PDB file of N, CA and C in Angstrom:
ATOM      1  N   MET A   1     -33.968 -20.203  -7.505  1.00  0.00           N
ATOM      2  CA  MET A   1     -33.025 -20.618  -8.509  1.00  0.00           C
ATOM      3  C   MET A   1     -31.937 -21.464  -7.833  1.00  0.00           C
ATOM      4  N   PRO A   2     -31.760 -22.702  -8.243  1.00  0.00           N
ATOM      5  CA  PRO A   2     -30.763 -23.571  -7.612  1.00  0.00           C
ATOM      6  C   PRO A   2     -29.332 -23.155  -7.976  1.00  0.00           C
ATOM      7  N   VAL A   3     -28.419 -23.458  -7.049  1.00  0.00           N
ATOM      8  CA  VAL A   3     -27.001 -23.162  -7.271  1.00  0.00           C
ATOM      9  C   VAL A   3     -26.326 -24.447  -7.746  1.00  0.00           C
ATOM     10  N   PRO A   4     -25.612 -24.388  -8.862  1.00  0.00           N
ATOM     11  CA  PRO A   4     -24.909 -25.595  -9.320  1.00  0.00           C
ATOM     12  C   PRO A   4     -23.837 -26.016  -8.302  1.00  0.00           C
ATOM     13  N   PHE A   5     -23.708 -27.299  -8.107  1.00  0.00           N
ATOM     14  CA  PHE A   5     -22.773 -27.776  -7.089  1.00  0.00           C
ATOM     15  C   PHE A   5     -21.325 -27.453  -7.442  1.00  0.00           C
ATOM     16  N   GLU A   6     -21.035 -27.220  -8.721  1.00  0.00           N
ATOM     17  CA  GLU A   6     -19.664 -26.893  -9.120  1.00  0.00           C
ATOM     18  C   GLU A   6     -19.183 -25.591  -8.483  1.00  0.00           C
ATOM     19  N   THR A   7     -20.089 -24.698  -8.176  1.00  0.00           N
ATOM     20  CA  THR A   7     -19.680 -23.429  -7.573  1.00  0.00           C
ATOM     21  C   THR A   7     -19.274 -23.605  -6.104  1.00  0.00           C
ATOM     22  N   LEU A   8     -19.713 -24.672  -5.469  1.00  0.00           N
ATOM     23  CA  LEU A   8     -19.398 -24.896  -4.061  1.00  0.00           C
ATOM     24  C   LEU A   8     -18.124 -25.724  -3.859  1.00  0.00           C
ATOM     25  N   ILE A   9     -17.591 -26.310  -4.919  1.00  0.00           N
ATOM     26  CA  ILE A   9     -16.389 -27.140  -4.806  1.00  0.00           C
ATOM     27  C   ILE A   9     -15.195 -26.351  -4.257  1.00  0.00           C
ATOM     28  N   PRO A  10     -14.904 -25.127  -4.748  1.00  0.00           N
ATOM     29  CA  PRO A  10     -13.763 -24.397  -4.173  1.00  0.00           C
ATOM     30  C   PRO A  10     -13.915 -24.124  -2.675  1.00  0.00           C
ATOM     31  N   TYR A  11     -15.133 -23.851  -2.229  1.00  0.00           N
ATOM     32  CA  TYR A  11     -15.353 -23.618  -0.800  1.00  0.00           C
ATOM     33  C   TYR A  11     -15.110 -24.900   0.002  1.00  0.00           C
ATOM     34  N   GLY A  12     -15.528 -26.015  -0.537  1.00  0.00           N
ATOM     35  CA  GLY A  12     -15.270 -27.296   0.118  1.00  0.00           C
ATOM     36  C   GLY A  12     -13.785 -27.600   0.202  1.00  0.00           C
ATOM     37  N   ILE A  13     -13.052 -27.282  -0.863  1.00  0.00           N
ATOM     38  CA  ILE A  13     -11.608 -27.497  -0.861  1.00  0.00           C
ATOM     39  C   ILE A  13     -10.943 -26.602   0.181  1.00  0.00           C
ATOM     40  N   MET A  14     -11.363 -25.341   0.266  1.00  0.00           N
ATOM     41  CA  MET A  14     -10.764 -24.429   1.245  1.00  0.00           C
ATOM     42  C   MET A  14     -11.027 -24.901   2.673  1.00  0.00           C
ATOM     43  N   ILE A  15     -12.251 -25.314   2.955  1.00  0.00           N
ATOM     44  CA  ILE A  15     -12.587 -25.794   4.299  1.00  0.00           C
ATOM     45  C   ILE A  15     -11.786 -27.052   4.629  1.00  0.00           C
ATOM     46  N   ALA A  16     -11.644 -27.949   3.652  1.00  0.00           N
ATOM     47  CA  ALA A  16     -10.861 -29.170   3.874  1.00  0.00           C
ATOM     48  C   ALA A  16      -9.402 -28.837   4.151  1.00  0.00           C
ATOM     49  N   MET A  17      -8.852 -27.878   3.428  1.00  0.00           N
ATOM     50  CA  MET A  17      -7.450 -27.514   3.639  1.00  0.00           C
ATOM     51  C   MET A  17      -7.226 -26.876   5.018  1.00  0.00           C
ATOM     52  N   PHE A  18      -8.184 -26.073   5.484  1.00  0.00           N
ATOM     53  CA  PHE A  18      -8.072 -25.530   6.844  1.00  0.00           C
ATOM     54  C   PHE A  18      -8.054 -26.670   7.864  1.00  0.00           C
ATOM     55  N   GLY A  19      -8.908 -27.654   7.679  1.00  0.00           N
ATOM     56  CA  GLY A  19      -8.945 -28.793   8.594  1.00  0.00           C
ATOM     57  C   GLY A  19      -7.671 -29.619   8.549  1.00  0.00           C
ATOM     58  N   ILE A  20      -7.157 -29.866   7.347  1.00  0.00           N
ATOM     59  CA  ILE A  20      -5.924 -30.647   7.198  1.00  0.00           C
ATOM     60  C   ILE A  20      -4.745 -29.908   7.817  1.00  0.00           C
ATOM     61  N   THR A  21      -4.676 -28.591   7.579  1.00  0.00           N
ATOM     62  CA  THR A  21      -3.577 -27.796   8.132  1.00  0.00           C
ATOM     63  C   THR A  21      -3.631 -27.771   9.659  1.00  0.00           C
ATOM     64  N   GLY A  22      -4.806 -27.561  10.226  1.00  0.00           N
ATOM     65  CA  GLY A  22      -4.940 -27.536  11.681  1.00  0.00           C
ATOM     66  C   GLY A  22      -4.583 -28.867  12.313  1.00  0.00           C
ATOM     67  N   THR A  23      -5.025 -29.949  11.694  1.00  0.00           N
ATOM     68  CA  THR A  23      -4.698 -31.275  12.211  1.00  0.00           C
ATOM     69  C   THR A  23      -3.203 -31.538  12.113  1.00  0.00           C
ATOM     70  N   GLY A  24      -2.601 -31.144  10.985  1.00  0.00           N
ATOM     71  CA  GLY A  24      -1.159 -31.328  10.816  1.00  0.00           C
ATOM     72  C   GLY A  24      -0.354 -30.560  11.842  1.00  0.00           C
ATOM     73  N   LEU A  25      -0.735 -29.312  12.103  1.00  0.00           N
ATOM     74  CA  LEU A  25      -0.028 -28.516  13.109  1.00  0.00           C
ATOM     75  C   LEU A  25      -0.182 -29.128  14.503  1.00  0.00           C
ATOM     76  N   HIS A  26      -1.371 -29.637  14.794  1.00  0.00           N
ATOM     77  CA  HIS A  26      -1.613 -30.274  16.094  1.00  0.00           C
ATOM     78  C   HIS A  26      -0.733 -31.519  16.254  1.00  0.00           C
ATOM     79  N   VAL A  27      -0.622 -32.314  15.205  1.00  0.00           N
ATOM     80  CA  VAL A  27       0.189 -33.531  15.265  1.00  0.00           C
ATOM     81  C   VAL A  27       1.666 -33.184  15.413  1.00  0.00           C
ATOM     82  N   ILE A  28       2.134 -32.209  14.648  1.00  0.00           N
ATOM     83  CA  ILE A  28       3.547 -31.818  14.722  1.00  0.00           C
ATOM     84  C   ILE A  28       3.888 -31.278  16.107  1.00  0.00           C
ATOM     85  N   LYS A  29       2.997 -30.477  16.675  1.00  0.00           N
ATOM     86  CA  LYS A  29       3.252 -29.934  18.014  1.00  0.00           C
ATOM     87  C   LYS A  29       3.305 -31.061  19.045  1.00  0.00           C
ATOM     88  N   GLY A  30       2.453 -32.056  18.888  1.00  0.00           N
ATOM     89  CA  GLY A  30       2.478 -33.190  19.806  1.00  0.00           C
ATOM     90  C   GLY A  30       3.741 -34.021  19.668  1.00  0.00           C
ATOM     91  N   ILE A  31       4.214 -34.202  18.440  1.00  0.00           N
ATOM     92  CA  ILE A  31       5.447 -34.961  18.215  1.00  0.00           C
ATOM     93  C   ILE A  31       6.637 -34.224  18.821  1.00  0.00           C
ATOM     94  N   GLN A  32       6.682 -32.914  18.660  1.00  0.00           N
ATOM     95  CA  GLN A  32       7.796 -32.129  19.196  1.00  0.00           C
ATOM     96  C   GLN A  32       7.821 -32.143  20.722  1.00  0.00           C
ATOM     97  N   ASN A  33       6.670 -32.379  21.352  1.00  0.00           N
ATOM     98  CA  ASN A  33       6.595 -32.368  22.812  1.00  0.00           C
ATOM     99  C   ASN A  33       6.602 -33.787  23.382  1.00  0.00           C
ATOM    100  N   GLY A  34       7.046 -34.747  22.610  1.00  0.00           N
ATOM    101  CA  GLY A  34       7.135 -36.117  23.100  1.00  0.00           C
ATOM    102  C   GLY A  34       5.790 -36.799  23.231  1.00  0.00           C
ATOM    103  N   GLY A  35       4.800 -36.412  22.462  1.00  0.00           N
ATOM    104  CA  GLY A  35       3.489 -37.026  22.499  1.00  0.00           C
ATOM    105  C   GLY A  35       2.589 -36.521  23.611  1.00  0.00           C
ATOM    106  N   LYS A  36       3.069 -35.540  24.381  1.00  0.00           N
ATOM    107  CA  LYS A  36       2.263 -34.985  25.471  1.00  0.00           C
ATOM    108  C   LYS A  36       1.581 -33.707  25.018  1.00  0.00           C
ATOM    109  N   LYS A  37       0.566 -33.309  25.751  1.00  0.00           N
ATOM    110  CA  LYS A  37      -0.132 -32.066  25.431  1.00  0.00           C
ATOM    111  C   LYS A  37       0.797 -30.878  25.652  1.00  0.00           C
ATOM    112  N   PRO A  38       0.629 -29.808  24.862  1.00  0.00           N
ATOM    113  CA  PRO A  38       1.487 -28.631  25.071  1.00  0.00           C
ATOM    114  C   PRO A  38       1.212 -27.982  26.422  1.00  0.00           C
ATOM    115  N   ARG A  39       2.256 -27.414  27.009  1.00  0.00           N
ATOM    116  CA  ARG A  39       2.142 -26.770  28.321  1.00  0.00           C
ATOM    117  C   ARG A  39       2.046 -25.272  28.133  1.00  0.00           C
ATOM    118  N   TRP A  40       1.156 -24.654  28.887  1.00  0.00           N
ATOM    119  CA  TRP A  40       0.948 -23.212  28.803  1.00  0.00           C
ATOM    120  C   TRP A  40       1.288 -22.580  30.141  1.00  0.00           C
ATOM    121  N   GLY A  41       1.753 -21.343  30.121  1.00  0.00           N
ATOM    122  CA  GLY A  41       2.011 -20.599  31.352  1.00  0.00           C
ATOM    123  C   GLY A  41       3.142 -21.183  32.173  1.00  0.00           C
ATOM    124  N   LEU A  42       4.293 -21.412  31.548  1.00  0.00           N
ATOM    125  CA  LEU A  42       5.423 -21.948  32.288  1.00  0.00           C
ATOM    126  C   LEU A  42       5.910 -20.920  33.300  1.00  0.00           C
ATOM    127  N   ASP A  43       6.207 -21.370  34.502  1.00  0.00           N
ATOM    128  CA  ASP A  43       6.686 -20.445  35.518  1.00  0.00           C
ATOM    129  C   ASP A  43       8.219 -20.403  35.514  1.00  0.00           C
ATOM    130  N   GLN A  44       8.778 -19.652  36.423  1.00  0.00           N
ATOM    131  CA  GLN A  44      10.226 -19.437  36.452  1.00  0.00           C
ATOM    132  C   GLN A  44      10.981 -20.748  36.676  1.00  0.00           C
ATOM    133  N   TRP A  45      10.433 -21.656  37.482  1.00  0.00           N
ATOM    134  CA  TRP A  45      11.112 -22.915  37.767  1.00  0.00           C
ATOM    135  C   TRP A  45      11.251 -23.760  36.503  1.00  0.00           C
ATOM    136  N   ASP A  46      10.254 -23.744  35.629  1.00  0.00           N
ATOM    137  CA  ASP A  46      10.316 -24.529  34.407  1.00  0.00           C
ATOM    138  C   ASP A  46      11.350 -23.980  33.431  1.00  0.00           C
ATOM    139  N   ARG A  47      11.641 -22.703  33.507  1.00  0.00           N
ATOM    140  CA  ARG A  47      12.628 -22.098  32.616  1.00  0.00           C
ATOM    141  C   ARG A  47      14.045 -22.171  33.192  1.00  0.00           C
ATOM    142  N   TYR A  48      14.189 -22.639  34.434  1.00  0.00           N
ATOM    143  CA  TYR A  48      15.480 -22.645  35.117  1.00  0.00           C
ATOM    144  C   TYR A  48      16.425 -23.654  34.471  1.00  0.00           C
ATOM    145  N   ALA A  49      17.610 -23.219  34.181  1.00  0.00           N
ATOM    146  CA  ALA A  49      18.654 -24.107  33.673  1.00  0.00           C
ATOM    147  C   ALA A  49      19.835 -24.011  34.633  1.00  0.00           C
ATOM    148  N   PRO A  50      20.149 -25.070  35.342  1.00  0.00           N
ATOM    149  CA  PRO A  50      21.228 -24.992  36.322  1.00  0.00           C
ATOM    150  C   PRO A  50      22.580 -24.783  35.655  1.00  0.00           C
ATOM    151  N   SER A  51      23.425 -24.076  36.346  1.00  0.00           N
ATOM    152  CA  SER A  51      24.775 -23.815  35.862  1.00  0.00           C
ATOM    153  C   SER A  51      25.627 -25.064  36.083  1.00  0.00           C
ATOM    154  N   PRO A  52      26.433 -25.467  35.108  1.00  0.00           N
ATOM    155  CA  PRO A  52      27.255 -26.664  35.305  1.00  0.00           C
ATOM    156  C   PRO A  52      28.397 -26.444  36.304  1.00  0.00           C
ATOM    157  N   VAL A  53      28.753 -25.190  36.560  1.00  0.00           N
ATOM    158  CA  VAL A  53      29.821 -24.869  37.508  1.00  0.00           C
ATOM    159  C   VAL A  53      29.197 -24.141  38.691  1.00  0.00           C
ATOM    160  N   GLU A  54      29.464 -24.627  39.886  1.00  0.00           N
ATOM    161  CA  GLU A  54      28.876 -23.982  41.054  1.00  0.00           C
ATOM    162  C   GLU A  54      29.597 -22.670  41.354  1.00  0.00           C
ATOM    163  N   PRO A  55      28.870 -21.702  41.860  1.00  0.00           N
ATOM    164  CA  PRO A  55      29.501 -20.427  42.206  1.00  0.00           C
ATOM    165  C   PRO A  55      30.574 -20.606  43.281  1.00  0.00           C
ATOM    166  N   TYR A  56      31.493 -19.667  43.347  1.00  0.00           N
ATOM    167  CA  TYR A  56      32.628 -19.750  44.273  1.00  0.00           C
ATOM    168  C   TYR A  56      32.171 -19.799  45.730  1.00  0.00           C
ATOM    169  N   ALA A  57      31.166 -19.003  46.083  1.00  0.00           N
ATOM    170  CA  ALA A  57      30.690 -18.968  47.471  1.00  0.00           C
ATOM    171  C   ALA A  57      30.119 -20.315  47.892  1.00  0.00           C
ATOM    172  N   ILE A  58      29.403 -20.968  47.015  1.00  0.00           N
ATOM    173  CA  ILE A  58      28.842 -22.280  47.346  1.00  0.00           C
ATOM    174  C   ILE A  58      29.962 -23.313  47.406  1.00  0.00           C
ATOM    175  N   ALA A  59      30.919 -23.218  46.515  1.00  0.00           N
ATOM    176  CA  ALA A  59      32.029 -24.163  46.511  1.00  0.00           C
ATOM    177  C   ALA A  59      32.838 -24.057  47.803  1.00  0.00           C
ATOM    178  N   ARG A  60      32.997 -22.854  48.340  1.00  0.00           N
ATOM    179  CA  ARG A  60      33.764 -22.662  49.572  1.00  0.00           C
ATOM    180  C   ARG A  60      33.007 -23.195  50.786  1.00  0.00           C
ATOM    181  N   SER A  61      31.669 -23.159  50.762  1.00  0.00           N
ATOM    182  CA  SER A  61      30.895 -23.573  51.925  1.00  0.00           C
ATOM    183  C   SER A  61      30.605 -25.067  51.933  1.00  0.00           C
ATOM    184  N   ASN A  62      30.847 -25.756  50.833  1.00  0.00           N
ATOM    185  CA  ASN A  62      30.547 -27.171  50.740  1.00  0.00           C
ATOM    186  C   ASN A  62      31.790 -27.974  51.119  1.00  0.00           C
ATOM    187  N   ALA A  63      31.682 -28.820  52.132  1.00  0.00           N
ATOM    188  CA  ALA A  63      32.832 -29.589  52.605  1.00  0.00           C
ATOM    189  C   ALA A  63      33.250 -30.660  51.601  1.00  0.00           C
ATOM    190  N   ASN A  64      32.319 -31.131  50.766  1.00  0.00           N
ATOM    191  CA  ASN A  64      32.623 -32.187  49.806  1.00  0.00           C
ATOM    192  C   ASN A  64      33.156 -31.654  48.485  1.00  0.00           C
ATOM    193  N   SER A  65      33.203 -30.373  48.322  1.00  0.00           N
ATOM    194  CA  SER A  65      33.630 -29.780  47.065  1.00  0.00           C
ATOM    195  C   SER A  65      35.139 -29.870  46.909  1.00  0.00           C
ATOM    196  N   THR A  66      35.591 -30.002  45.666  1.00  0.00           N
ATOM    197  CA  THR A  66      37.027 -30.065  45.390  1.00  0.00           C
ATOM    198  C   THR A  66      37.593 -28.708  45.008  1.00  0.00           C
ATOM    199  N   ALA A  67      36.746 -27.683  44.847  1.00  0.00           N
ATOM    200  CA  ALA A  67      37.222 -26.349  44.471  1.00  0.00           C
ATOM    201  C   ALA A  67      37.919 -25.691  45.654  1.00  0.00           C
ATOM    202  N   THR A  68      38.949 -24.928  45.359  1.00  0.00           N
ATOM    203  CA  THR A  68      39.663 -24.234  46.438  1.00  0.00           C
ATOM    204  C   THR A  68      39.698 -22.753  46.185  1.00  0.00           C
TER     205      THR A  68
END
């Protein structure tokens, strides 16, 4: 017994929407990362944010520093 093609239309729409959503998420992630591939497994160095003010001990040991 053949299946009418009208019964398969909702399944086709669902599969198309999964593809559109996945592609959209991939594009958005690429745009947010400056067009580069996403990076996985960042190590401690990649998460490092330097302090704008040097610690007192380093300031005292540096001859070029203006801190007293």
